[in-house]
Amino acid sequence: MPQKFIETPYPLIDADPHASRVISYFRPSDYAFWAGATGAFPAALYAWQLADPIRAPIKTTLRLGGFLGFVGGFLLAYQRSSSRFWGWSENKQEEERDLAELSQRASEGKALYGESPQPQWVQEAAARNSQFSQLKFSAFPMINLVNHNNHGTDPAKYGVRSTEESK
């Protein structure tokens, strides 16, 4: 299946980043966004309770609201970080870090995106299923947990030589 290329205002870093990379590239603003959503959800429920009171105790409702705010805030922060990998928002900091990390891996002779014990067909299926999946977190929260080589970027920019060049 051919890779879909999209014109973006910033350079593409990774079309299908692994979950550990997305989380490790969180900026302080992502954590603030996460914390804000975690607090905003129960605060909105409390305000709603004040506006239209019910007789039931609100303690359980606020706990559930805190949990849902925590999960929803994480998914929003994850989506914000992913949009920087895709080049949809400013990503200079991530681009420099990515170039340094993957160039180091290439110079050490390691696989750029890690080794996977999965067969090639499983890696390809995982790549097809998880690419741009962060856009549909509302329907089905799916993240990339499989190492594969389908990332939409040229490995040569990290110093990896193709098999034809090395012969």
C-alpha atoms as a PDB file:
ATOM      1  CA  MET A   1       0.000   0.000   0.000  1.00  0.00           C
ATOM      2  CA  PRO A   2       1.559   3.315  -1.017  1.00  0.00           C
ATOM      3  CA  GLN A   3       2.244   5.926   1.643  1.00  0.00           C
ATOM      4  CA  LYS A   4       0.028   9.004   1.579  1.00  0.00           C
ATOM      5  CA  PHE A   5       2.066  12.206   1.411  1.00  0.00           C
ATOM      6  CA  ILE A   6       0.492  15.427   2.654  1.00  0.00           C
ATOM      7  CA  GLU A   7       1.839  18.965   2.209  1.00  0.00           C
ATOM      8  CA  THR A   8       2.438  20.401   5.675  1.00  0.00           C
ATOM      9  CA  PRO A   9       3.557  23.849   6.817  1.00  0.00           C
ATOM     10  CA  TYR A  10       6.418  22.318   8.838  1.00  0.00           C
ATOM     11  CA  PRO A  11       8.754  19.395   8.096  1.00  0.00           C
ATOM     12  CA  LEU A  12       7.417  15.872   8.578  1.00  0.00           C
ATOM     13  CA  ILE A  13       9.304  14.113  11.365  1.00  0.00           C
ATOM     14  CA  ASP A  14       7.401  10.830  11.514  1.00  0.00           C
ATOM     15  CA  ALA A  15       4.089   9.856   9.901  1.00  0.00           C
ATOM     16  CA  ASP A  16       3.483   7.041  12.411  1.00  0.00           C
ATOM     17  CA  PRO A  17       5.465   7.680  15.610  1.00  0.00           C
ATOM     18  CA  HIS A  18       5.726   5.000  18.295  1.00  0.00           C
ATOM     19  CA  ALA A  19       3.782   5.816  21.474  1.00  0.00           C
ATOM     20  CA  SER A  20       6.961   6.002  23.565  1.00  0.00           C
ATOM     21  CA  ARG A  21       8.398   8.653  21.228  1.00  0.00           C
ATOM     22  CA  VAL A  22       5.218  10.727  21.246  1.00  0.00           C
ATOM     23  CA  ILE A  23       5.078  10.711  25.047  1.00  0.00           C
ATOM     24  CA  SER A  24       8.802  11.403  25.487  1.00  0.00           C
ATOM     25  CA  TYR A  25       8.477  14.413  23.144  1.00  0.00           C
ATOM     26  CA  PHE A  26       5.691  16.027  25.238  1.00  0.00           C
ATOM     27  CA  ARG A  27       6.378  19.709  25.830  1.00  0.00           C
ATOM     28  CA  PRO A  28       5.560  21.488  29.101  1.00  0.00           C
ATOM     29  CA  SER A  29       2.547  23.001  27.313  1.00  0.00           C
ATOM     30  CA  ASP A  30       1.254  19.472  26.639  1.00  0.00           C
ATOM     31  CA  TYR A  31       1.520  18.624  30.332  1.00  0.00           C
ATOM     32  CA  ALA A  32      -0.249  21.899  31.180  1.00  0.00           C
ATOM     33  CA  PHE A  33      -2.990  21.055  28.691  1.00  0.00           C
ATOM     34  CA  TRP A  34      -3.329  17.598  30.260  1.00  0.00           C
ATOM     35  CA  ALA A  35      -3.506  19.041  33.783  1.00  0.00           C
ATOM     36  CA  GLY A  36      -6.020  21.667  32.682  1.00  0.00           C
ATOM     37  CA  ALA A  37      -8.326  19.071  31.168  1.00  0.00           C
ATOM     38  CA  THR A  38      -7.973  16.895  34.275  1.00  0.00           C
ATOM     39  CA  GLY A  39      -9.121  19.774  36.480  1.00  0.00           C
ATOM     40  CA  ALA A  40     -11.637  21.299  34.072  1.00  0.00           C
ATOM     41  CA  PHE A  41     -13.823  18.217  33.744  1.00  0.00           C
ATOM     42  CA  PRO A  42     -14.758  17.853  37.447  1.00  0.00           C
ATOM     43  CA  ALA A  43     -14.938  21.657  37.779  1.00  0.00           C
ATOM     44  CA  ALA A  44     -17.496  21.751  34.974  1.00  0.00           C
ATOM     45  CA  LEU A  45     -19.477  18.959  36.649  1.00  0.00           C
ATOM     46  CA  TYR A  46     -19.385  20.862  39.961  1.00  0.00           C
ATOM     47  CA  ALA A  47     -20.557  24.070  38.265  1.00  0.00           C
ATOM     48  CA  TRP A  48     -23.322  22.117  36.574  1.00  0.00           C
ATOM     49  CA  GLN A  49     -24.327  20.723  39.988  1.00  0.00           C
ATOM     50  CA  LEU A  50     -24.523  24.270  41.367  1.00  0.00           C
ATOM     51  CA  ALA A  51     -26.645  25.451  38.449  1.00  0.00           C
ATOM     52  CA  ASP A  52     -29.043  22.481  38.491  1.00  0.00           C
ATOM     53  CA  PRO A  53     -28.706  20.610  41.803  1.00  0.00           C
ATOM     54  CA  ILE A  54     -29.635  16.970  42.247  1.00  0.00           C
ATOM     55  CA  ARG A  55     -30.194  15.193  45.555  1.00  0.00           C
ATOM     56  CA  ALA A  56     -27.598  12.475  44.967  1.00  0.00           C
ATOM     57  CA  PRO A  57     -24.122  12.849  46.483  1.00  0.00           C
ATOM     58  CA  ILE A  58     -21.653  14.423  44.074  1.00  0.00           C
ATOM     59  CA  LYS A  59     -18.459  12.813  45.413  1.00  0.00           C
ATOM     60  CA  THR A  60     -18.562   9.789  43.061  1.00  0.00           C
ATOM     61  CA  THR A  61     -19.515  11.982  40.123  1.00  0.00           C
ATOM     62  CA  LEU A  62     -16.507  14.245  40.729  1.00  0.00           C
ATOM     63  CA  ARG A  63     -14.152  11.268  41.022  1.00  0.00           C
ATOM     64  CA  LEU A  64     -15.401   9.861  37.734  1.00  0.00           C
ATOM     65  CA  GLY A  65     -15.121  13.330  36.211  1.00  0.00           C
ATOM     66  CA  GLY A  66     -11.513  13.568  37.394  1.00  0.00           C
ATOM     67  CA  PHE A  67     -10.705  10.204  35.840  1.00  0.00           C
ATOM     68  CA  LEU A  68     -12.386  11.098  32.543  1.00  0.00           C
ATOM     69  CA  GLY A  69     -10.617  14.473  32.542  1.00  0.00           C
ATOM     70  CA  PHE A  70      -7.295  12.708  33.143  1.00  0.00           C
ATOM     71  CA  VAL A  71      -7.811  10.255  30.266  1.00  0.00           C
ATOM     72  CA  GLY A  72      -9.225  12.891  27.932  1.00  0.00           C
ATOM     73  CA  GLY A  73      -6.418  15.311  28.790  1.00  0.00           C
ATOM     74  CA  PHE A  74      -3.816  12.649  28.049  1.00  0.00           C
ATOM     75  CA  LEU A  75      -5.397  11.905  24.664  1.00  0.00           C
ATOM     76  CA  LEU A  76      -5.468  15.621  23.806  1.00  0.00           C
ATOM     77  CA  ALA A  77      -1.823  16.060  24.836  1.00  0.00           C
ATOM     78  CA  TYR A  78      -0.906  12.954  22.806  1.00  0.00           C
ATOM     79  CA  GLN A  79      -2.723  14.361  19.788  1.00  0.00           C
ATOM     80  CA  ARG A  80      -0.946  17.739  20.142  1.00  0.00           C
ATOM     81  CA  SER A  81       2.445  16.002  20.273  1.00  0.00           C
ATOM     82  CA  SER A  82       1.519  13.847  17.267  1.00  0.00           C
ATOM     83  CA  SER A  83       0.576  16.914  15.232  1.00  0.00           C
ATOM     84  CA  ARG A  84       4.135  18.203  15.695  1.00  0.00           C
ATOM     85  CA  PHE A  85       5.517  14.869  14.421  1.00  0.00           C
ATOM     86  CA  TRP A  86       3.271  15.187  11.363  1.00  0.00           C
ATOM     87  CA  GLY A  87       4.421  18.761  10.694  1.00  0.00           C
ATOM     88  CA  TRP A  88       0.988  20.274  11.289  1.00  0.00           C
ATOM     89  CA  SER A  89       2.247  22.633  14.015  1.00  0.00           C
ATOM     90  CA  GLU A  90       5.577  24.227  14.886  1.00  0.00           C
ATOM     91  CA  ASN A  91       8.113  21.441  15.480  1.00  0.00           C
ATOM     92  CA  LYS A  92      11.655  22.876  15.373  1.00  0.00           C
ATOM     93  CA  GLN A  93      12.496  21.520  18.837  1.00  0.00           C
ATOM     94  CA  GLU A  94      11.252  18.022  17.968  1.00  0.00           C
ATOM     95  CA  GLU A  95      12.967  18.082  14.569  1.00  0.00           C
ATOM     96  CA  GLU A  96      16.364  18.832  16.131  1.00  0.00           C
ATOM     97  CA  ARG A  97      15.919  16.180  18.833  1.00  0.00           C
ATOM     98  CA  ASP A  98      14.749  13.585  16.305  1.00  0.00           C
ATOM     99  CA  LEU A  99      17.714  14.264  14.010  1.00  0.00           C
ATOM    100  CA  ALA A 100      20.175  13.952  16.918  1.00  0.00           C
ATOM    101  CA  GLU A 101      18.617  10.755  18.323  1.00  0.00           C
ATOM    102  CA  LEU A 102      18.166   8.877  15.068  1.00  0.00           C
ATOM    103  CA  SER A 103      21.533   9.979  13.651  1.00  0.00           C
ATOM    104  CA  GLN A 104      23.114   8.571  16.812  1.00  0.00           C
ATOM    105  CA  ARG A 105      21.248   5.270  16.336  1.00  0.00           C
ATOM    106  CA  ALA A 106      22.312   5.144  12.670  1.00  0.00           C
ATOM    107  CA  SER A 107      25.969   5.789  13.536  1.00  0.00           C
ATOM    108  CA  GLU A 108      25.829   2.940  16.067  1.00  0.00           C
ATOM    109  CA  GLY A 109      24.434   0.632  13.379  1.00  0.00           C
ATOM    110  CA  LYS A 110      21.117   0.124  15.169  1.00  0.00           C
ATOM    111  CA  ALA A 111      17.722   0.050  13.484  1.00  0.00           C
ATOM    112  CA  LEU A 112      16.346   3.592  13.354  1.00  0.00           C
ATOM    113  CA  TYR A 113      12.976   2.791  14.835  1.00  0.00           C
ATOM    114  CA  GLY A 114      13.930  -0.193  16.958  1.00  0.00           C
ATOM    115  CA  GLU A 115      13.805  -3.926  16.410  1.00  0.00           C
ATOM    116  CA  SER A 116      10.515  -5.779  16.338  1.00  0.00           C
ATOM    117  CA  PRO A 117       9.901  -9.457  17.077  1.00  0.00           C
ATOM    118  CA  GLN A 118       6.786  -9.274  14.873  1.00  0.00           C
ATOM    119  CA  PRO A 119       6.735 -10.764  11.350  1.00  0.00           C
ATOM    120  CA  GLN A 120       6.928  -8.228   8.512  1.00  0.00           C
ATOM    121  CA  TRP A 121       3.257  -8.608   7.585  1.00  0.00           C
ATOM    122  CA  VAL A 122       2.213  -7.807  11.172  1.00  0.00           C
ATOM    123  CA  GLN A 123       4.426  -4.705  11.171  1.00  0.00           C
ATOM    124  CA  GLU A 124       2.881  -3.533   7.901  1.00  0.00           C
ATOM    125  CA  ALA A 125      -0.660  -4.153   9.140  1.00  0.00           C
ATOM    126  CA  ALA A 126       0.096  -2.291  12.367  1.00  0.00           C
ATOM    127  CA  ALA A 127       1.489   0.632  10.378  1.00  0.00           C
ATOM    128  CA  ARG A 128      -1.616   0.804   8.181  1.00  0.00           C
ATOM    129  CA  ASN A 129      -3.925   0.647  11.191  1.00  0.00           C
ATOM    130  CA  SER A 130      -2.145   3.183  13.379  1.00  0.00           C
ATOM    131  CA  GLN A 131      -1.149   5.829  10.830  1.00  0.00           C
ATOM    132  CA  PHE A 132      -3.050   9.055  11.622  1.00  0.00           C
ATOM    133  CA  SER A 133      -5.154   7.108  14.143  1.00  0.00           C
ATOM    134  CA  GLN A 134      -4.722   9.972  16.623  1.00  0.00           C
ATOM    135  CA  LEU A 135      -7.312  11.895  14.608  1.00  0.00           C
ATOM    136  CA  LYS A 136     -10.040   9.438  15.624  1.00  0.00           C
ATOM    137  CA  PHE A 137      -9.442   9.182  19.372  1.00  0.00           C
ATOM    138  CA  SER A 138     -13.100  10.052  19.915  1.00  0.00           C
ATOM    139  CA  ALA A 139     -14.220   6.886  18.122  1.00  0.00           C
ATOM    140  CA  PHE A 140     -11.405   4.425  18.834  1.00  0.00           C
ATOM    141  CA  PRO A 141      -8.310   5.434  20.826  1.00  0.00           C
ATOM    142  CA  MET A 142      -5.462   3.578  19.085  1.00  0.00           C
ATOM    143  CA  ILE A 143      -1.749   4.303  19.385  1.00  0.00           C
ATOM    144  CA  ASN A 144       1.259   2.776  17.656  1.00  0.00           C
ATOM    145  CA  LEU A 145       2.880   0.124  19.873  1.00  0.00           C
ATOM    146  CA  VAL A 146       4.761  -1.762  17.124  1.00  0.00           C
ATOM    147  CA  ASN A 147       8.236  -0.937  15.829  1.00  0.00           C
ATOM    148  CA  HIS A 148       8.250  -0.871  12.028  1.00  0.00           C
ATOM    149  CA  ASN A 149       9.959   0.963   9.159  1.00  0.00           C
ATOM    150  CA  ASN A 150       6.930   2.707   7.609  1.00  0.00           C
ATOM    151  CA  HIS A 151       7.381   6.278   8.826  1.00  0.00           C
ATOM    152  CA  GLY A 152       7.108   8.384   5.681  1.00  0.00           C
ATOM    153  CA  THR A 153      10.622   9.854   5.919  1.00  0.00           C
ATOM    154  CA  ASP A 154      13.880   9.219   4.099  1.00  0.00           C
ATOM    155  CA  PRO A 155      16.333   7.342   6.364  1.00  0.00           C
ATOM    156  CA  ALA A 156      19.242   8.879   4.405  1.00  0.00           C
ATOM    157  CA  LYS A 157      18.831  12.146   6.307  1.00  0.00           C
ATOM    158  CA  TYR A 158      19.987  10.300   9.438  1.00  0.00           C
ATOM    159  CA  GLY A 159      23.044   8.833   7.711  1.00  0.00           C
ATOM    160  CA  VAL A 160      21.578   5.443   6.800  1.00  0.00           C
ATOM    161  CA  ARG A 161      22.870   4.150   3.471  1.00  0.00           C
ATOM    162  CA  SER A 162      20.588   2.159   1.216  1.00  0.00           C
ATOM    163  CA  THR A 163      21.509  -1.405   0.293  1.00  0.00           C
ATOM    164  CA  GLU A 164      22.457  -0.321  -3.260  1.00  0.00           C
ATOM    165  CA  GLU A 165      24.884   2.325  -1.950  1.00  0.00           C
ATOM    166  CA  SER A 166      26.608  -0.066   0.451  1.00  0.00           C
ATOM    167  CA  LYS A 167      27.467  -2.567  -2.320  1.00  0.00           C
END
